[in-house]
Amino acid sequence: MLHVFKLGFAAFHVLEMQAMKKYYEDIAGFTFTETDENGSAYLITSTDHHNIVLIPSHRSGIHSFGFQYESEGSREEVIEHLRSLGIEASEAEVGIQL
């Protein structure tokens, strides 16, 4: 029913935004794309809208992550399947600005 083929993105709470942004650009090789109205930074390594999201915070850690998948079921059915396995799941849409 569900075939996950790629980690779509990972979002992190970060204490020091500039230091983490510099790390992902200079060391990890990501490309900065934009900063949103909340100060979150979006970085990419592919043609996706974003692969890494850095969210300014008073703590550090994983905020969320998403997978790209193939399924014959609808998005709603996939979410219900994941929830039946005890996995918190929700649908999120990404706005792409060109």
PDB file of N, CA and C in Angstrom:
ATOM      1  N   MET A   1       0.813  -1.207   0.000  1.00  0.00           N
ATOM      2  CA  MET A   1       0.000   0.000   0.000  1.00  0.00           C
ATOM      3  C   MET A   1       0.853   1.266   0.000  1.00  0.00           C
ATOM      4  N   LEU A   2       1.984   1.243   0.695  1.00  0.00           N
ATOM      5  CA  LEU A   2       2.766   2.462   0.864  1.00  0.00           C
ATOM      6  C   LEU A   2       4.236   2.149   0.609  1.00  0.00           C
ATOM      7  N   HIS A   3       4.813   2.861  -0.343  1.00  0.00           N
ATOM      8  CA  HIS A   3       6.229   2.689  -0.658  1.00  0.00           C
ATOM      9  C   HIS A   3       6.931   4.032  -0.490  1.00  0.00           C
ATOM     10  N   VAL A   4       7.673   4.170   0.619  1.00  0.00           N
ATOM     11  CA  VAL A   4       8.453   5.386   0.862  1.00  0.00           C
ATOM     12  C   VAL A   4       9.735   5.269   0.062  1.00  0.00           C
ATOM     13  N   PHE A   5      10.030   6.279  -0.761  1.00  0.00           N
ATOM     14  CA  PHE A   5      11.230   6.200  -1.580  1.00  0.00           C
ATOM     15  C   PHE A   5      12.229   7.315  -1.311  1.00  0.00           C
ATOM     16  N   LYS A   6      11.869   8.284  -0.467  1.00  0.00           N
ATOM     17  CA  LYS A   6      12.799   9.383  -0.246  1.00  0.00           C
ATOM     18  C   LYS A   6      12.411  10.172   1.000  1.00  0.00           C
ATOM     19  N   LEU A   7      13.427  10.564   1.752  1.00  0.00           N
ATOM     20  CA  LEU A   7      13.203  11.537   2.813  1.00  0.00           C
ATOM     21  C   LEU A   7      12.977  12.868   2.128  1.00  0.00           C
ATOM     22  N   GLY A   8      11.826  13.458   2.306  1.00  0.00           N
ATOM     23  CA  GLY A   8      11.500  14.708   1.629  1.00  0.00           C
ATOM     24  C   GLY A   8      12.160  15.925   2.254  1.00  0.00           C
ATOM     25  N   PHE A   9      12.074  16.021   3.591  1.00  0.00           N
ATOM     26  CA  PHE A   9      12.672  17.155   4.285  1.00  0.00           C
ATOM     27  C   PHE A   9      12.853  16.803   5.748  1.00  0.00           C
ATOM     28  N   ALA A  10      13.690  17.571   6.408  1.00  0.00           N
ATOM     29  CA  ALA A  10      13.839  17.517   7.859  1.00  0.00           C
ATOM     30  C   ALA A  10      13.873  18.953   8.355  1.00  0.00           C
ATOM     31  N   ALA A  11      13.095  19.222   9.393  1.00  0.00           N
ATOM     32  CA  ALA A  11      13.039  20.566   9.980  1.00  0.00           C
ATOM     33  C   ALA A  11      13.575  20.493  11.411  1.00  0.00           C
ATOM     34  N   PHE A  12      14.397  21.469  11.758  1.00  0.00           N
ATOM     35  CA  PHE A  12      15.055  21.474  13.060  1.00  0.00           C
ATOM     36  C   PHE A  12      14.823  22.793  13.792  1.00  0.00           C
ATOM     37  N   HIS A  13      14.595  22.696  15.118  1.00  0.00           N
ATOM     38  CA  HIS A  13      14.652  23.872  15.986  1.00  0.00           C
ATOM     39  C   HIS A  13      16.131  24.185  16.154  1.00  0.00           C
ATOM     40  N   VAL A  14      16.521  25.448  16.004  1.00  0.00           N
ATOM     41  CA  VAL A  14      17.930  25.810  16.166  1.00  0.00           C
ATOM     42  C   VAL A  14      18.077  27.005  17.097  1.00  0.00           C
ATOM     43  N   LEU A  15      19.137  26.951  17.899  1.00  0.00           N
ATOM     44  CA  LEU A  15      19.433  28.037  18.833  1.00  0.00           C
ATOM     45  C   LEU A  15      20.173  29.172  18.141  1.00  0.00           C
ATOM     46  N   GLU A  16      21.098  28.827  17.260  1.00  0.00           N
ATOM     47  CA  GLU A  16      21.943  29.826  16.609  1.00  0.00           C
ATOM     48  C   GLU A  16      21.752  29.738  15.102  1.00  0.00           C
ATOM     49  N   MET A  17      20.795  30.500  14.616  1.00  0.00           N
ATOM     50  CA  MET A  17      20.387  30.417  13.216  1.00  0.00           C
ATOM     51  C   MET A  17      21.546  30.658  12.256  1.00  0.00           C
ATOM     52  N   GLN A  18      22.290  31.713  12.435  1.00  0.00           N
ATOM     53  CA  GLN A  18      23.355  32.040  11.490  1.00  0.00           C
ATOM     54  C   GLN A  18      24.430  30.951  11.444  1.00  0.00           C
ATOM     55  N   ALA A  19      24.789  30.410  12.606  1.00  0.00           N
ATOM     56  CA  ALA A  19      25.807  29.358  12.648  1.00  0.00           C
ATOM     57  C   ALA A  19      25.315  28.095  11.939  1.00  0.00           C
ATOM     58  N   MET A  20      24.062  27.722  12.167  1.00  0.00           N
ATOM     59  CA  MET A  20      23.524  26.518  11.534  1.00  0.00           C
ATOM     60  C   MET A  20      23.348  26.721  10.027  1.00  0.00           C
ATOM     61  N   LYS A  21      22.898  27.898   9.624  1.00  0.00           N
ATOM     62  CA  LYS A  21      22.748  28.200   8.199  1.00  0.00           C
ATOM     63  C   LYS A  21      24.109  28.127   7.514  1.00  0.00           C
ATOM     64  N   LYS A  22      25.119  28.683   8.145  1.00  0.00           N
ATOM     65  CA  LYS A  22      26.473  28.648   7.598  1.00  0.00           C
ATOM     66  C   LYS A  22      26.965  27.206   7.485  1.00  0.00           C
ATOM     67  N   TYR A  23      26.706  26.386   8.500  1.00  0.00           N
ATOM     68  CA  TYR A  23      27.111  24.981   8.461  1.00  0.00           C
ATOM     69  C   TYR A  23      26.472  24.274   7.260  1.00  0.00           C
ATOM     70  N   TYR A  24      25.161  24.408   7.106  1.00  0.00           N
ATOM     71  CA  TYR A  24      24.486  23.705   6.016  1.00  0.00           C
ATOM     72  C   TYR A  24      24.922  24.204   4.643  1.00  0.00           C
ATOM     73  N   GLU A  25      25.244  25.481   4.531  1.00  0.00           N
ATOM     74  CA  GLU A  25      25.712  26.011   3.243  1.00  0.00           C
ATOM     75  C   GLU A  25      27.181  25.663   2.989  1.00  0.00           C
ATOM     76  N   ASP A  26      28.056  25.973   3.936  1.00  0.00           N
ATOM     77  CA  ASP A  26      29.506  25.870   3.711  1.00  0.00           C
ATOM     78  C   ASP A  26      30.072  24.462   3.895  1.00  0.00           C
ATOM     79  N   ILE A  27      29.527  23.711   4.831  1.00  0.00           N
ATOM     80  CA  ILE A  27      30.065  22.381   5.126  1.00  0.00           C
ATOM     81  C   ILE A  27      29.251  21.278   4.441  1.00  0.00           C
ATOM     82  N   ALA A  28      27.935  21.323   4.578  1.00  0.00           N
ATOM     83  CA  ALA A  28      27.086  20.250   4.045  1.00  0.00           C
ATOM     84  C   ALA A  28      26.727  20.435   2.572  1.00  0.00           C
ATOM     85  N   GLY A  29      26.937  21.634   2.024  1.00  0.00           N
ATOM     86  CA  GLY A  29      26.726  21.853   0.597  1.00  0.00           C
ATOM     87  C   GLY A  29      25.310  22.172   0.177  1.00  0.00           C
ATOM     88  N   PHE A  30      24.460  22.564   1.098  1.00  0.00           N
ATOM     89  CA  PHE A  30      23.088  22.951   0.756  1.00  0.00           C
ATOM     90  C   PHE A  30      23.068  24.366   0.191  1.00  0.00           C
ATOM     91  N   THR A  31      22.033  24.696  -0.552  1.00  0.00           N
ATOM     92  CA  THR A  31      21.842  26.031  -1.111  1.00  0.00           C
ATOM     93  C   THR A  31      20.673  26.702  -0.400  1.00  0.00           C
ATOM     94  N   PHE A  32      20.895  27.881   0.118  1.00  0.00           N
ATOM     95  CA  PHE A  32      19.841  28.662   0.775  1.00  0.00           C
ATOM     96  C   PHE A  32      18.857  29.143  -0.281  1.00  0.00           C
ATOM     97  N   THR A  33      17.546  29.007   0.003  1.00  0.00           N
ATOM     98  CA  THR A  33      16.531  29.469  -0.946  1.00  0.00           C
ATOM     99  C   THR A  33      15.745  30.670  -0.448  1.00  0.00           C
ATOM    100  N   GLU A  34      15.322  30.648   0.823  1.00  0.00           N
ATOM    101  CA  GLU A  34      14.532  31.773   1.326  1.00  0.00           C
ATOM    102  C   GLU A  34      14.407  31.720   2.839  1.00  0.00           C
ATOM    103  N   THR A  35      13.993  32.848   3.394  1.00  0.00           N
ATOM    104  CA  THR A  35      13.608  32.956   4.796  1.00  0.00           C
ATOM    105  C   THR A  35      12.154  33.364   4.825  1.00  0.00           C
ATOM    106  N   ASP A  36      11.345  32.685   5.650  1.00  0.00           N
ATOM    107  CA  ASP A  36       9.926  33.036   5.702  1.00  0.00           C
ATOM    108  C   ASP A  36       9.669  34.126   6.736  1.00  0.00           C
ATOM    109  N   GLU A  37       8.401  34.488   6.892  1.00  0.00           N
ATOM    110  CA  GLU A  37       8.028  35.589   7.787  1.00  0.00           C
ATOM    111  C   GLU A  37       8.325  35.287   9.251  1.00  0.00           C
ATOM    112  N   ASN A  38       8.508  34.000   9.609  1.00  0.00           N
ATOM    113  CA  ASN A  38       8.833  33.620  10.986  1.00  0.00           C
ATOM    114  C   ASN A  38      10.333  33.505  11.225  1.00  0.00           C
ATOM    115  N   GLY A  39      11.131  33.753  10.180  1.00  0.00           N
ATOM    116  CA  GLY A  39      12.576  33.670  10.309  1.00  0.00           C
ATOM    117  C   GLY A  39      13.161  32.301  10.010  1.00  0.00           C
ATOM    118  N   SER A  40      12.316  31.345   9.607  1.00  0.00           N
ATOM    119  CA  SER A  40      12.812  30.015   9.258  1.00  0.00           C
ATOM    120  C   SER A  40      13.552  30.078   7.931  1.00  0.00           C
ATOM    121  N   ALA A  41      14.657  29.356   7.861  1.00  0.00           N
ATOM    122  CA  ALA A  41      15.481  29.320   6.649  1.00  0.00           C
ATOM    123  C   ALA A  41      15.252  27.996   5.927  1.00  0.00           C
ATOM    124  N   TYR A  42      15.133  28.057   4.597  1.00  0.00           N
ATOM    125  CA  TYR A  42      14.904  26.885   3.760  1.00  0.00           C
ATOM    126  C   TYR A  42      16.134  26.656   2.897  1.00  0.00           C
ATOM    127  N   LEU A  43      16.610  25.405   2.889  1.00  0.00           N
ATOM    128  CA  LEU A  43      17.806  25.046   2.126  1.00  0.00           C
ATOM    129  C   LEU A  43      17.523  23.808   1.281  1.00  0.00           C
ATOM    130  N   ILE A  44      18.223  23.694   0.140  1.00  0.00           N
ATOM    131  CA  ILE A  44      17.990  22.584  -0.780  1.00  0.00           C
ATOM    132  C   ILE A  44      19.292  21.946  -1.249  1.00  0.00           C
ATOM    133  N   THR A  45      19.154  20.714  -1.734  1.00  0.00           N
ATOM    134  CA  THR A  45      20.240  20.040  -2.450  1.00  0.00           C
ATOM    135  C   THR A  45      19.714  19.440  -3.745  1.00  0.00           C
ATOM    136  N   SER A  46      18.459  19.710  -4.048  1.00  0.00           N
ATOM    137  CA  SER A  46      17.827  19.089  -5.209  1.00  0.00           C
ATOM    138  C   SER A  46      16.850  20.072  -5.837  1.00  0.00           C
ATOM    139  N   THR A  47      15.942  19.544  -6.609  1.00  0.00           N
ATOM    140  CA  THR A  47      14.925  20.384  -7.242  1.00  0.00           C
ATOM    141  C   THR A  47      13.698  20.562  -6.360  1.00  0.00           C
ATOM    142  N   ASP A  48      13.698  19.975  -5.160  1.00  0.00           N
ATOM    143  CA  ASP A  48      12.579  20.148  -4.239  1.00  0.00           C
ATOM    144  C   ASP A  48      12.535  21.586  -3.737  1.00  0.00           C
ATOM    145  N   HIS A  49      11.396  21.995  -3.191  1.00  0.00           N
ATOM    146  CA  HIS A  49      11.289  23.336  -2.615  1.00  0.00           C
ATOM    147  C   HIS A  49      12.261  23.505  -1.454  1.00  0.00           C
ATOM    148  N   HIS A  50      12.360  22.479  -0.611  1.00  0.00           N
ATOM    149  CA  HIS A  50      13.313  22.511   0.493  1.00  0.00           C
ATOM    150  C   HIS A  50      13.613  21.092   0.954  1.00  0.00           C
ATOM    151  N   ASN A  51      14.813  20.913   1.488  1.00  0.00           N
ATOM    152  CA  ASN A  51      15.209  19.642   2.080  1.00  0.00           C
ATOM    153  C   ASN A  51      15.496  19.803   3.567  1.00  0.00           C
ATOM    154  N   ILE A  52      15.978  20.975   3.939  1.00  0.00           N
ATOM    155  CA  ILE A  52      16.266  21.300   5.340  1.00  0.00           C
ATOM    156  C   ILE A  52      15.549  22.603   5.676  1.00  0.00           C
ATOM    157  N   VAL A  53      14.902  22.622   6.850  1.00  0.00           N
ATOM    158  CA  VAL A  53      14.282  23.840   7.363  1.00  0.00           C
ATOM    159  C   VAL A  53      14.896  24.101   8.734  1.00  0.00           C
ATOM    160  N   LEU A  54      15.393  25.306   8.924  1.00  0.00           N
ATOM    161  CA  LEU A  54      15.951  25.722  10.206  1.00  0.00           C
ATOM    162  C   LEU A  54      14.986  26.710  10.838  1.00  0.00           C
ATOM    163  N   ILE A  55      14.476  26.368  12.008  1.00  0.00           N
ATOM    164  CA  ILE A  55      13.459  27.173  12.679  1.00  0.00           C
ATOM    165  C   ILE A  55      14.074  27.807  13.922  1.00  0.00           C
ATOM    166  N   PRO A  56      14.113  29.147  13.992  1.00  0.00           N
ATOM    167  CA  PRO A  56      14.688  29.787  15.183  1.00  0.00           C
ATOM    168  C   PRO A  56      13.899  29.395  16.432  1.00  0.00           C
ATOM    169  N   SER A  57      14.618  29.065  17.508  1.00  0.00           N
ATOM    170  CA  SER A  57      13.958  28.575  18.709  1.00  0.00           C
ATOM    171  C   SER A  57      14.844  28.790  19.924  1.00  0.00           C
ATOM    172  N   HIS A  58      14.271  28.636  21.096  1.00  0.00           N
ATOM    173  CA  HIS A  58      15.016  28.700  22.350  1.00  0.00           C
ATOM    174  C   HIS A  58      15.543  27.323  22.751  1.00  0.00           C
ATOM    175  N   ARG A  59      15.288  26.304  21.897  1.00  0.00           N
ATOM    176  CA  ARG A  59      15.777  24.947  22.141  1.00  0.00           C
ATOM    177  C   ARG A  59      16.228  24.354  20.816  1.00  0.00           C
ATOM    178  N   SER A  60      16.955  23.262  20.865  1.00  0.00           N
ATOM    179  CA  SER A  60      17.381  22.614  19.633  1.00  0.00           C
ATOM    180  C   SER A  60      16.783  21.211  19.565  1.00  0.00           C
ATOM    181  N   GLY A  61      16.615  20.709  18.360  1.00  0.00           N
ATOM    182  CA  GLY A  61      16.083  19.364  18.172  1.00  0.00           C
ATOM    183  C   GLY A  61      15.259  19.266  16.909  1.00  0.00           C
ATOM    184  N   ILE A  62      14.776  18.080  16.652  1.00  0.00           N
ATOM    185  CA  ILE A  62      13.962  17.836  15.457  1.00  0.00           C
ATOM    186  C   ILE A  62      12.578  18.433  15.646  1.00  0.00           C
ATOM    187  N   HIS A  63      12.118  19.168  14.666  1.00  0.00           N
ATOM    188  CA  HIS A  63      10.764  19.717  14.661  1.00  0.00           C
ATOM    189  C   HIS A  63       9.829  18.761  13.926  1.00  0.00           C
ATOM    190  N   SER A  64      10.190  18.388  12.711  1.00  0.00           N
ATOM    191  CA  SER A  64       9.350  17.493  11.915  1.00  0.00           C
ATOM    192  C   SER A  64      10.161  16.972  10.735  1.00  0.00           C
ATOM    193  N   PHE A  65       9.593  16.003  10.051  1.00  0.00           N
ATOM    194  CA  PHE A  65      10.214  15.497   8.826  1.00  0.00           C
ATOM    195  C   PHE A  65       9.115  14.933   7.953  1.00  0.00           C
ATOM    196  N   GLY A  66       9.412  14.809   6.685  1.00  0.00           N
ATOM    197  CA  GLY A  66       8.422  14.303   5.743  1.00  0.00           C
ATOM    198  C   GLY A  66       9.059  13.375   4.733  1.00  0.00           C
ATOM    199  N   PHE A  67       8.263  12.452   4.241  1.00  0.00           N
ATOM    200  CA  PHE A  67       8.726  11.490   3.260  1.00  0.00           C
ATOM    201  C   PHE A  67       7.981  11.667   1.950  1.00  0.00           C
ATOM    202  N   GLN A  68       8.629  11.302   0.872  1.00  0.00           N
ATOM    203  CA  GLN A  68       7.946  11.203  -0.413  1.00  0.00           C
ATOM    204  C   GLN A  68       7.621   9.731  -0.611  1.00  0.00           C
ATOM    205  N   TYR A  69       6.438   9.455  -1.091  1.00  0.00           N
ATOM    206  CA  TYR A  69       5.991   8.075  -1.183  1.00  0.00           C
ATOM    207  C   TYR A  69       5.156   7.853  -2.442  1.00  0.00           C
ATOM    208  N   GLU A  70       4.999   6.576  -2.753  1.00  0.00           N
ATOM    209  CA  GLU A  70       4.082   6.152  -3.804  1.00  0.00           C
ATOM    210  C   GLU A  70       3.022   5.291  -3.137  1.00  0.00           C
ATOM    211  N   SER A  71       1.775   5.441  -3.567  1.00  0.00           N
ATOM    212  CA  SER A  71       0.701   4.639  -3.007  1.00  0.00           C
ATOM    213  C   SER A  71      -0.474   4.630  -3.970  1.00  0.00           C
ATOM    214  N   GLU A  72      -1.179   3.524  -4.000  1.00  0.00           N
ATOM    215  CA  GLU A  72      -2.410   3.467  -4.785  1.00  0.00           C
ATOM    216  C   GLU A  72      -3.565   4.097  -4.017  1.00  0.00           C
ATOM    217  N   GLY A  73      -3.383   4.294  -2.714  1.00  0.00           N
ATOM    218  CA  GLY A  73      -4.411   4.912  -1.895  1.00  0.00           C
ATOM    219  C   GLY A  73      -4.341   6.427  -1.958  1.00  0.00           C
ATOM    220  N   SER A  74      -5.402   7.066  -1.506  1.00  0.00           N
ATOM    221  CA  SER A  74      -5.439   8.528  -1.454  1.00  0.00           C
ATOM    222  C   SER A  74      -4.564   9.009  -0.299  1.00  0.00           C
ATOM    223  N   ARG A  75      -4.286  10.301  -0.254  1.00  0.00           N
ATOM    224  CA  ARG A  75      -3.509  10.859   0.859  1.00  0.00           C
ATOM    225  C   ARG A  75      -4.210  10.594   2.183  1.00  0.00           C
ATOM    226  N   GLU A  76      -5.516  10.729   2.189  1.00  0.00           N
ATOM    227  CA  GLU A  76      -6.279  10.487   3.413  1.00  0.00           C
ATOM    228  C   GLU A  76      -6.129   9.042   3.876  1.00  0.00           C
ATOM    229  N   GLU A  77      -6.143   8.086   2.931  1.00  0.00           N
ATOM    230  CA  GLU A  77      -5.973   6.677   3.297  1.00  0.00           C
ATOM    231  C   GLU A  77      -4.573   6.406   3.837  1.00  0.00           C
ATOM    232  N   VAL A  78      -3.581   7.050   3.254  1.00  0.00           N
ATOM    233  CA  VAL A  78      -2.205   6.884   3.732  1.00  0.00           C
ATOM    234  C   VAL A  78      -2.079   7.425   5.150  1.00  0.00           C
ATOM    235  N   ILE A  79      -2.638   8.596   5.410  1.00  0.00           N
ATOM    236  CA  ILE A  79      -2.601   9.182   6.751  1.00  0.00           C
ATOM    237  C   ILE A  79      -3.286   8.258   7.751  1.00  0.00           C
ATOM    238  N   GLU A  80      -4.439   7.741   7.402  1.00  0.00           N
ATOM    239  CA  GLU A  80      -5.159   6.830   8.303  1.00  0.00           C
ATOM    240  C   GLU A  80      -4.358   5.552   8.550  1.00  0.00           C
ATOM    241  N   HIS A  81      -3.705   5.036   7.505  1.00  0.00           N
ATOM    242  CA  HIS A  81      -2.867   3.841   7.663  1.00  0.00           C
ATOM    243  C   HIS A  81      -1.723   4.113   8.640  1.00  0.00           C
ATOM    244  N   LEU A  82      -1.045   5.235   8.481  1.00  0.00           N
ATOM    245  CA  LEU A  82       0.050   5.582   9.388  1.00  0.00           C
ATOM    246  C   LEU A  82      -0.457   5.747  10.816  1.00  0.00           C
ATOM    247  N   ARG A  83      -1.578   6.403  10.974  1.00  0.00           N
ATOM    248  CA  ARG A  83      -2.144   6.590  12.316  1.00  0.00           C
ATOM    249  C   ARG A  83      -2.505   5.252  12.946  1.00  0.00           C
ATOM    250  N   SER A  84      -2.982   4.291  12.134  1.00  0.00           N
ATOM    251  CA  SER A  84      -3.323   2.964  12.665  1.00  0.00           C
ATOM    252  C   SER A  84      -2.092   2.237  13.190  1.00  0.00           C
ATOM    253  N   LEU A  85      -0.916   2.633  12.714  1.00  0.00           N
ATOM    254  CA  LEU A  85       0.342   2.063  13.184  1.00  0.00           C
ATOM    255  C   LEU A  85       0.924   2.831  14.370  1.00  0.00           C
ATOM    256  N   GLY A  86       0.186   3.852  14.839  1.00  0.00           N
ATOM    257  CA  GLY A  86       0.648   4.651  15.966  1.00  0.00           C
ATOM    258  C   GLY A  86       1.597   5.770  15.581  1.00  0.00           C
ATOM    259  N   ILE A  87       1.609   6.127  14.283  1.00  0.00           N
ATOM    260  CA  ILE A  87       2.487   7.186  13.787  1.00  0.00           C
ATOM    261  C   ILE A  87       1.667   8.452  13.608  1.00  0.00           C
ATOM    262  N   GLU A  88       2.092   9.536  14.257  1.00  0.00           N
ATOM    263  CA  GLU A  88       1.402  10.808  14.085  1.00  0.00           C
ATOM    264  C   GLU A  88       1.653  11.292  12.664  1.00  0.00           C
ATOM    265  N   ALA A  89       0.600  11.538  11.932  1.00  0.00           N
ATOM    266  CA  ALA A  89       0.748  11.932  10.516  1.00  0.00           C
ATOM    267  C   ALA A  89      -0.268  13.013  10.168  1.00  0.00           C
ATOM    268  N   SER A  90       0.158  13.927   9.310  1.00  0.00           N
ATOM    269  CA  SER A  90      -0.735  14.970   8.816  1.00  0.00           C
ATOM    270  C   SER A  90      -0.280  15.369   7.428  1.00  0.00           C
ATOM    271  N   GLU A  91      -1.158  16.009   6.713  1.00  0.00           N
ATOM    272  CA  GLU A  91      -0.852  16.467   5.371  1.00  0.00           C
ATOM    273  C   GLU A  91      -0.412  17.921   5.443  1.00  0.00           C
ATOM    274  N   ALA A  92       0.629  18.234   4.699  1.00  0.00           N
ATOM    275  CA  ALA A  92       1.107  19.611   4.638  1.00  0.00           C
ATOM    276  C   ALA A  92       1.344  19.966   3.186  1.00  0.00           C
ATOM    277  N   GLU A  93       0.945  21.159   2.815  1.00  0.00           N
ATOM    278  CA  GLU A  93       1.188  21.627   1.458  1.00  0.00           C
ATOM    279  C   GLU A  93       2.302  22.649   1.499  1.00  0.00           C
ATOM    280  N   VAL A  94       3.125  22.592   0.495  1.00  0.00           N
ATOM    281  CA  VAL A  94       4.244  23.519   0.392  1.00  0.00           C
ATOM    282  C   VAL A  94       3.960  24.469  -0.746  1.00  0.00           C
ATOM    283  N   GLY A  95       3.981  25.753  -0.445  1.00  0.00           N
ATOM    284  CA  GLY A  95       3.820  26.747  -1.490  1.00  0.00           C
ATOM    285  C   GLY A  95       5.144  27.022  -2.159  1.00  0.00           C
ATOM    286  N   ILE A  96       5.169  26.933  -3.449  1.00  0.00           N
ATOM    287  CA  ILE A  96       6.411  27.181  -4.181  1.00  0.00           C
ATOM    288  C   ILE A  96       6.316  28.531  -4.872  1.00  0.00           C
ATOM    289  N   GLN A  97       7.306  29.371  -4.605  1.00  0.00           N
ATOM    290  CA  GLN A  97       7.341  30.682  -5.246  1.00  0.00           C
ATOM    291  C   GLN A  97       8.355  30.645  -6.381  1.00  0.00           C
ATOM    292  N   LEU A  98       7.919  31.001  -7.554  1.00  0.00           N
ATOM    293  CA  LEU A  98       8.820  31.015  -8.712  1.00  0.00           C
ATOM    294  C   LEU A  98       9.085  32.437  -9.153  1.00  0.00           C
TER     295      LEU A  98
END
